[in-house]
Amino acid sequence: MTSTLPLHMYIRPIILEDAQQVIDLEARGFPPSERASPQNVEFRLNTCPELCSGLFIREFNSDTKEVQSETLIGHIMGTKISRNGFIRLEDMKLTHNESSDTIAIHSLVIDKNYQKKNLATLLLTDYIQKLSNQEIGERIVIIAHEPLIPFYERVGFKVHGENRDVIKDPEFASSKWIDMVRELVKEEYEN
């Protein structure tokens, strides 16, 4: 695998028309118990598309130079959760609380063919910056597998502790899940 970045790569909001690519990427990136259902994907894209961001590669027609296709190679999907706490089982269902100031990331995935290129860091950093500057919320929470803690700490997340609610579900009980949080701070620029 080469370490060079793909050409014509860009980040944009995911829209409903991208739902099948999102579902396919979830299927390739997560075990069945951890991937979003097609209903969850469509709910999130309909209800809170501003909390869903995709990393795409554009392919151009060599003759006309027009965009021929867009391929989703990574995404982040989130909702706002009801409490100022951490993700619970009920938050993984078809729920979103627009008045909340806590954003829950439900999935962050990069296609296996594009991993080890810092693209997850790029996508998550862009996501954090956009949410901070748009003042969409005050914090982002995530539940992470223990081996992923150093990755999330590098982009400013802090460990809060073990998530005991999620492991009540038999599908999630085989793993240790860690609650992490990152405060969102708007960047101020001097003129």
C-alpha atoms as a PDB file:
ATOM      1  CA  MET A   1       0.000   0.000   0.000  1.00  0.00           C
ATOM      2  CA  THR A   2       1.369   3.389  -0.950  1.00  0.00           C
ATOM      3  CA  SER A   3       1.476   6.230   1.553  1.00  0.00           C
ATOM      4  CA  THR A   4       0.553   8.948  -0.952  1.00  0.00           C
ATOM      5  CA  LEU A   5      -2.804  10.613  -0.593  1.00  0.00           C
ATOM      6  CA  PRO A   6      -5.477  10.019  -3.217  1.00  0.00           C
ATOM      7  CA  LEU A   7      -5.944  12.688  -5.870  1.00  0.00           C
ATOM      8  CA  HIS A   8      -9.098  14.821  -5.941  1.00  0.00           C
ATOM      9  CA  MET A   9      -9.976  14.112  -2.311  1.00  0.00           C
ATOM     10  CA  TYR A  10     -12.349  16.449  -0.477  1.00  0.00           C
ATOM     11  CA  ILE A  11     -14.649  16.633   2.544  1.00  0.00           C
ATOM     12  CA  ARG A  12     -18.289  17.624   2.263  1.00  0.00           C
ATOM     13  CA  PRO A  13     -21.567  17.053   4.128  1.00  0.00           C
ATOM     14  CA  ILE A  14     -23.147  13.692   3.448  1.00  0.00           C
ATOM     15  CA  ILE A  15     -26.579  13.953   1.839  1.00  0.00           C
ATOM     16  CA  LEU A  16     -29.431  11.469   1.512  1.00  0.00           C
ATOM     17  CA  GLU A  17     -28.293  10.568  -2.003  1.00  0.00           C
ATOM     18  CA  ASP A  18     -25.076   9.215  -0.413  1.00  0.00           C
ATOM     19  CA  ALA A  19     -26.967   6.822   1.888  1.00  0.00           C
ATOM     20  CA  GLN A  20     -26.096   3.637  -0.010  1.00  0.00           C
ATOM     21  CA  GLN A  21     -22.392   4.483  -0.032  1.00  0.00           C
ATOM     22  CA  VAL A  22     -22.586   5.158   3.722  1.00  0.00           C
ATOM     23  CA  ILE A  23     -24.353   1.825   4.331  1.00  0.00           C
ATOM     24  CA  ASP A  24     -21.782  -0.012   2.195  1.00  0.00           C
ATOM     25  CA  LEU A  25     -18.840   1.643   3.992  1.00  0.00           C
ATOM     26  CA  GLU A  26     -20.365   0.820   7.396  1.00  0.00           C
ATOM     27  CA  ALA A  27     -20.656  -2.828   6.276  1.00  0.00           C
ATOM     28  CA  ARG A  28     -17.002  -2.939   5.210  1.00  0.00           C
ATOM     29  CA  GLY A  29     -15.718  -1.058   8.244  1.00  0.00           C
ATOM     30  CA  PHE A  30     -17.601  -2.465  11.226  1.00  0.00           C
ATOM     31  CA  PRO A  31     -18.715  -5.852  12.514  1.00  0.00           C
ATOM     32  CA  PRO A  32     -22.500  -6.384  12.223  1.00  0.00           C
ATOM     33  CA  SER A  33     -23.169  -5.479  15.873  1.00  0.00           C
ATOM     34  CA  GLU A  34     -21.438  -2.092  15.528  1.00  0.00           C
ATOM     35  CA  ARG A  35     -22.613  -0.789  12.165  1.00  0.00           C
ATOM     36  CA  ALA A  36     -25.502   1.585  11.671  1.00  0.00           C
ATOM     37  CA  SER A  37     -28.613   0.043  10.199  1.00  0.00           C
ATOM     38  CA  PRO A  38     -29.912   1.440   6.897  1.00  0.00           C
ATOM     39  CA  GLN A  39     -32.779   2.985   8.908  1.00  0.00           C
ATOM     40  CA  ASN A  40     -30.316   4.732  11.255  1.00  0.00           C
ATOM     41  CA  VAL A  41     -28.267   6.024   8.325  1.00  0.00           C
ATOM     42  CA  GLU A  42     -31.338   7.448   6.581  1.00  0.00           C
ATOM     43  CA  PHE A  43     -32.690   8.902   9.846  1.00  0.00           C
ATOM     44  CA  ARG A  44     -29.417  10.700  10.562  1.00  0.00           C
ATOM     45  CA  LEU A  45     -29.080  12.021   7.012  1.00  0.00           C
ATOM     46  CA  ASN A  46     -32.676  13.285   7.058  1.00  0.00           C
ATOM     47  CA  THR A  47     -32.700  14.650  10.601  1.00  0.00           C
ATOM     48  CA  CYS A  48     -29.247  16.080  11.235  1.00  0.00           C
ATOM     49  CA  PRO A  49     -27.153  16.131   8.044  1.00  0.00           C
ATOM     50  CA  GLU A  50     -25.021  18.930   9.514  1.00  0.00           C
ATOM     51  CA  LEU A  51     -23.595  16.298  11.899  1.00  0.00           C
ATOM     52  CA  CYS A  52     -22.649  13.909   9.077  1.00  0.00           C
ATOM     53  CA  SER A  53     -19.482  14.474   7.082  1.00  0.00           C
ATOM     54  CA  GLY A  54     -17.908  12.468   4.283  1.00  0.00           C
ATOM     55  CA  LEU A  55     -14.470  12.136   2.744  1.00  0.00           C
ATOM     56  CA  PHE A  56     -14.827  11.618  -1.004  1.00  0.00           C
ATOM     57  CA  ILE A  57     -12.646  11.047  -4.037  1.00  0.00           C
ATOM     58  CA  ARG A  58     -13.775  12.544  -7.322  1.00  0.00           C
ATOM     59  CA  GLU A  59     -12.998  10.824 -10.576  1.00  0.00           C
ATOM     60  CA  PHE A  60     -13.013  12.883 -13.737  1.00  0.00           C
ATOM     61  CA  ASN A  61     -13.667  11.960 -17.342  1.00  0.00           C
ATOM     62  CA  SER A  62     -10.277  12.316 -19.027  1.00  0.00           C
ATOM     63  CA  ASP A  63     -11.797  13.753 -22.205  1.00  0.00           C
ATOM     64  CA  THR A  64     -14.420  16.173 -20.882  1.00  0.00           C
ATOM     65  CA  LYS A  65     -12.807  16.885 -17.478  1.00  0.00           C
ATOM     66  CA  GLU A  66     -16.289  16.603 -15.937  1.00  0.00           C
ATOM     67  CA  VAL A  67     -16.887  14.793 -12.664  1.00  0.00           C
ATOM     68  CA  GLN A  68     -17.594  11.181 -13.520  1.00  0.00           C
ATOM     69  CA  SER A  69     -18.130   9.822 -10.016  1.00  0.00           C
ATOM     70  CA  GLU A  70     -17.702  10.500  -6.307  1.00  0.00           C
ATOM     71  CA  THR A  71     -16.598   7.663  -4.067  1.00  0.00           C
ATOM     72  CA  LEU A  72     -17.064   7.837  -0.309  1.00  0.00           C
ATOM     73  CA  ILE A  73     -13.885   6.625   1.428  1.00  0.00           C
ATOM     74  CA  GLY A  74     -14.628   7.818   4.967  1.00  0.00           C
ATOM     75  CA  HIS A  75     -17.372   9.287   7.080  1.00  0.00           C
ATOM     76  CA  ILE A  76     -18.437  10.579  10.476  1.00  0.00           C
ATOM     77  CA  MET A  77     -22.065  10.353  11.555  1.00  0.00           C
ATOM     78  CA  GLY A  78     -23.495  11.993  14.640  1.00  0.00           C
ATOM     79  CA  THR A  79     -26.635  13.103  16.426  1.00  0.00           C
ATOM     80  CA  LYS A  80     -27.350  15.277  19.420  1.00  0.00           C
ATOM     81  CA  ILE A  81     -28.141  13.307  22.546  1.00  0.00           C
ATOM     82  CA  SER A  82     -30.645  14.325  25.200  1.00  0.00           C
ATOM     83  CA  ARG A  83     -28.435  14.714  28.209  1.00  0.00           C
ATOM     84  CA  ASN A  84     -25.142  16.447  28.782  1.00  0.00           C
ATOM     85  CA  GLY A  85     -23.677  13.048  29.521  1.00  0.00           C
ATOM     86  CA  PHE A  86     -22.430  10.210  27.391  1.00  0.00           C
ATOM     87  CA  ILE A  87     -23.803   7.807  24.809  1.00  0.00           C
ATOM     88  CA  ARG A  88     -26.295   5.257  26.083  1.00  0.00           C
ATOM     89  CA  LEU A  89     -28.067   2.405  24.317  1.00  0.00           C
ATOM     90  CA  GLU A  90     -31.170   4.492  23.637  1.00  0.00           C
ATOM     91  CA  ASP A  91     -29.011   7.139  21.913  1.00  0.00           C
ATOM     92  CA  MET A  92     -28.018   4.609  19.236  1.00  0.00           C
ATOM     93  CA  LYS A  93     -31.604   4.294  18.042  1.00  0.00           C
ATOM     94  CA  LEU A  94     -33.586   6.718  15.893  1.00  0.00           C
ATOM     95  CA  THR A  95     -33.158   9.661  18.258  1.00  0.00           C
ATOM     96  CA  HIS A  96     -31.926  13.231  17.954  1.00  0.00           C
ATOM     97  CA  ASN A  97     -32.474  16.164  20.326  1.00  0.00           C
ATOM     98  CA  GLU A  98     -31.936  19.374  18.380  1.00  0.00           C
ATOM     99  CA  SER A  99     -31.924  21.522  21.541  1.00  0.00           C
ATOM    100  CA  SER A 100     -29.038  19.596  23.111  1.00  0.00           C
ATOM    101  CA  ASP A 101     -25.503  20.947  23.176  1.00  0.00           C
ATOM    102  CA  THR A 102     -23.921  17.459  23.194  1.00  0.00           C
ATOM    103  CA  ILE A 103     -23.023  15.837  19.878  1.00  0.00           C
ATOM    104  CA  ALA A 104     -22.565  12.069  19.873  1.00  0.00           C
ATOM    105  CA  ILE A 105     -20.372  10.550  17.179  1.00  0.00           C
ATOM    106  CA  HIS A 106     -21.871   7.192  16.264  1.00  0.00           C
ATOM    107  CA  SER A 107     -19.388   6.195  13.601  1.00  0.00           C
ATOM    108  CA  LEU A 108     -16.041   7.225  12.219  1.00  0.00           C
ATOM    109  CA  VAL A 109     -14.743   4.952   9.486  1.00  0.00           C
ATOM    110  CA  ILE A 110     -12.159   5.034   6.710  1.00  0.00           C
ATOM    111  CA  ASP A 111     -12.243   2.467   3.905  1.00  0.00           C
ATOM    112  CA  LYS A 112      -9.604  -0.214   4.528  1.00  0.00           C
ATOM    113  CA  ASN A 113      -7.927   0.631   1.198  1.00  0.00           C
ATOM    114  CA  TYR A 114      -7.203   4.172   2.448  1.00  0.00           C
ATOM    115  CA  GLN A 115      -6.200   3.542   6.058  1.00  0.00           C
ATOM    116  CA  LYS A 116      -2.780   4.404   7.505  1.00  0.00           C
ATOM    117  CA  LYS A 117      -2.719   7.747   5.656  1.00  0.00           C
ATOM    118  CA  ASN A 118      -3.944   9.960   8.558  1.00  0.00           C
ATOM    119  CA  LEU A 119      -7.272  10.399   6.776  1.00  0.00           C
ATOM    120  CA  ALA A 120      -9.279   9.656   9.946  1.00  0.00           C
ATOM    121  CA  THR A 121      -7.349  12.428  11.693  1.00  0.00           C
ATOM    122  CA  LEU A 122      -7.970  14.772   8.757  1.00  0.00           C
ATOM    123  CA  LEU A 123     -11.701  14.006   8.693  1.00  0.00           C
ATOM    124  CA  LEU A 124     -12.161  14.254  12.471  1.00  0.00           C
ATOM    125  CA  THR A 125     -10.121  17.471  12.749  1.00  0.00           C
ATOM    126  CA  ASP A 126     -12.196  19.056   9.979  1.00  0.00           C
ATOM    127  CA  TYR A 127     -15.406  17.896  11.709  1.00  0.00           C
ATOM    128  CA  ILE A 128     -14.344  19.351  15.073  1.00  0.00           C
ATOM    129  CA  GLN A 129     -13.298  22.654  13.511  1.00  0.00           C
ATOM    130  CA  LYS A 130     -16.562  23.049  11.595  1.00  0.00           C
ATOM    131  CA  LEU A 131     -18.723  22.227  14.615  1.00  0.00           C
ATOM    132  CA  SER A 132     -16.686  24.574  16.809  1.00  0.00           C
ATOM    133  CA  ASN A 133     -16.886  27.511  14.426  1.00  0.00           C
ATOM    134  CA  GLN A 134     -20.574  26.996  13.636  1.00  0.00           C
ATOM    135  CA  GLU A 135     -21.377  26.801  17.361  1.00  0.00           C
ATOM    136  CA  ILE A 136     -23.574  23.742  16.836  1.00  0.00           C
ATOM    137  CA  GLY A 137     -22.802  22.355  20.287  1.00  0.00           C
ATOM    138  CA  GLU A 138     -20.527  22.617  23.295  1.00  0.00           C
ATOM    139  CA  ARG A 139     -19.011  19.136  23.332  1.00  0.00           C
ATOM    140  CA  ILE A 140     -18.570  15.952  21.336  1.00  0.00           C
ATOM    141  CA  VAL A 141     -18.825  12.562  23.016  1.00  0.00           C
ATOM    142  CA  ILE A 142     -17.856   9.162  21.692  1.00  0.00           C
ATOM    143  CA  ILE A 143     -17.549   5.621  22.947  1.00  0.00           C
ATOM    144  CA  ALA A 144     -14.332   4.032  21.768  1.00  0.00           C
ATOM    145  CA  HIS A 145     -12.702   0.647  21.855  1.00  0.00           C
ATOM    146  CA  GLU A 146      -9.812   0.779  24.291  1.00  0.00           C
ATOM    147  CA  PRO A 147      -7.078   0.423  21.600  1.00  0.00           C
ATOM    148  CA  LEU A 148      -8.407   3.579  19.860  1.00  0.00           C
ATOM    149  CA  ILE A 149      -7.986   5.834  22.908  1.00  0.00           C
ATOM    150  CA  PRO A 150      -4.552   7.195  21.803  1.00  0.00           C
ATOM    151  CA  PHE A 151      -5.978   8.160  18.396  1.00  0.00           C
ATOM    152  CA  TYR A 152      -8.824  10.151  19.935  1.00  0.00           C
ATOM    153  CA  GLU A 153      -6.536  11.721  22.553  1.00  0.00           C
ATOM    154  CA  ARG A 154      -4.317  13.070  19.739  1.00  0.00           C
ATOM    155  CA  VAL A 155      -7.270  15.130  18.466  1.00  0.00           C
ATOM    156  CA  GLY A 156      -8.203  16.462  21.894  1.00  0.00           C
ATOM    157  CA  PHE A 157     -10.600  13.904  23.380  1.00  0.00           C
ATOM    158  CA  LYS A 158     -10.261  13.054  27.063  1.00  0.00           C
ATOM    159  CA  VAL A 159     -11.088   9.749  28.723  1.00  0.00           C
ATOM    160  CA  HIS A 160     -14.075   9.952  31.038  1.00  0.00           C
ATOM    161  CA  GLY A 161     -14.247   6.283  32.024  1.00  0.00           C
ATOM    162  CA  GLU A 162     -15.721   2.948  31.043  1.00  0.00           C
ATOM    163  CA  ASN A 163     -19.189   3.018  29.504  1.00  0.00           C
ATOM    164  CA  ARG A 164     -21.246   0.618  31.592  1.00  0.00           C
ATOM    165  CA  ASP A 165     -24.575   1.150  29.813  1.00  0.00           C
ATOM    166  CA  VAL A 166     -23.561  -0.115  26.375  1.00  0.00           C
ATOM    167  CA  ILE A 167     -22.072  -3.351  27.702  1.00  0.00           C
ATOM    168  CA  LYS A 168     -25.521  -4.279  29.057  1.00  0.00           C
ATOM    169  CA  ASP A 169     -26.410  -5.156  25.464  1.00  0.00           C
ATOM    170  CA  PRO A 170     -25.171  -8.676  24.609  1.00  0.00           C
ATOM    171  CA  GLU A 171     -23.994  -7.497  21.181  1.00  0.00           C
ATOM    172  CA  PHE A 172     -21.614  -4.978  22.775  1.00  0.00           C
ATOM    173  CA  ALA A 173     -20.717  -6.873  25.969  1.00  0.00           C
ATOM    174  CA  SER A 174     -17.694  -8.645  24.507  1.00  0.00           C
ATOM    175  CA  SER A 175     -15.718  -5.377  24.273  1.00  0.00           C
ATOM    176  CA  LYS A 176     -14.638  -2.728  26.730  1.00  0.00           C
ATOM    177  CA  TRP A 177     -16.076   0.625  25.669  1.00  0.00           C
ATOM    178  CA  ILE A 178     -14.598   3.908  26.892  1.00  0.00           C
ATOM    179  CA  ASP A 179     -16.488   7.213  27.174  1.00  0.00           C
ATOM    180  CA  MET A 180     -14.517  10.126  25.760  1.00  0.00           C
ATOM    181  CA  VAL A 181     -15.337  13.823  25.481  1.00  0.00           C
ATOM    182  CA  ARG A 182     -13.979  16.843  23.640  1.00  0.00           C
ATOM    183  CA  GLU A 183     -15.081  20.381  24.336  1.00  0.00           C
ATOM    184  CA  LEU A 184     -15.818  22.558  21.305  1.00  0.00           C
ATOM    185  CA  VAL A 185     -14.203  25.979  21.376  1.00  0.00           C
ATOM    186  CA  LYS A 186     -14.746  28.544  18.660  1.00  0.00           C
ATOM    187  CA  GLU A 187     -11.495  29.841  17.210  1.00  0.00           C
ATOM    188  CA  GLU A 188     -11.208  33.601  17.547  1.00  0.00           C
ATOM    189  CA  TYR A 189      -9.263  35.511  14.935  1.00  0.00           C
ATOM    190  CA  GLU A 190      -7.852  39.008  15.304  1.00  0.00           C
ATOM    191  CA  ASN A 191      -8.318  41.454  12.440  1.00  0.00           C
END
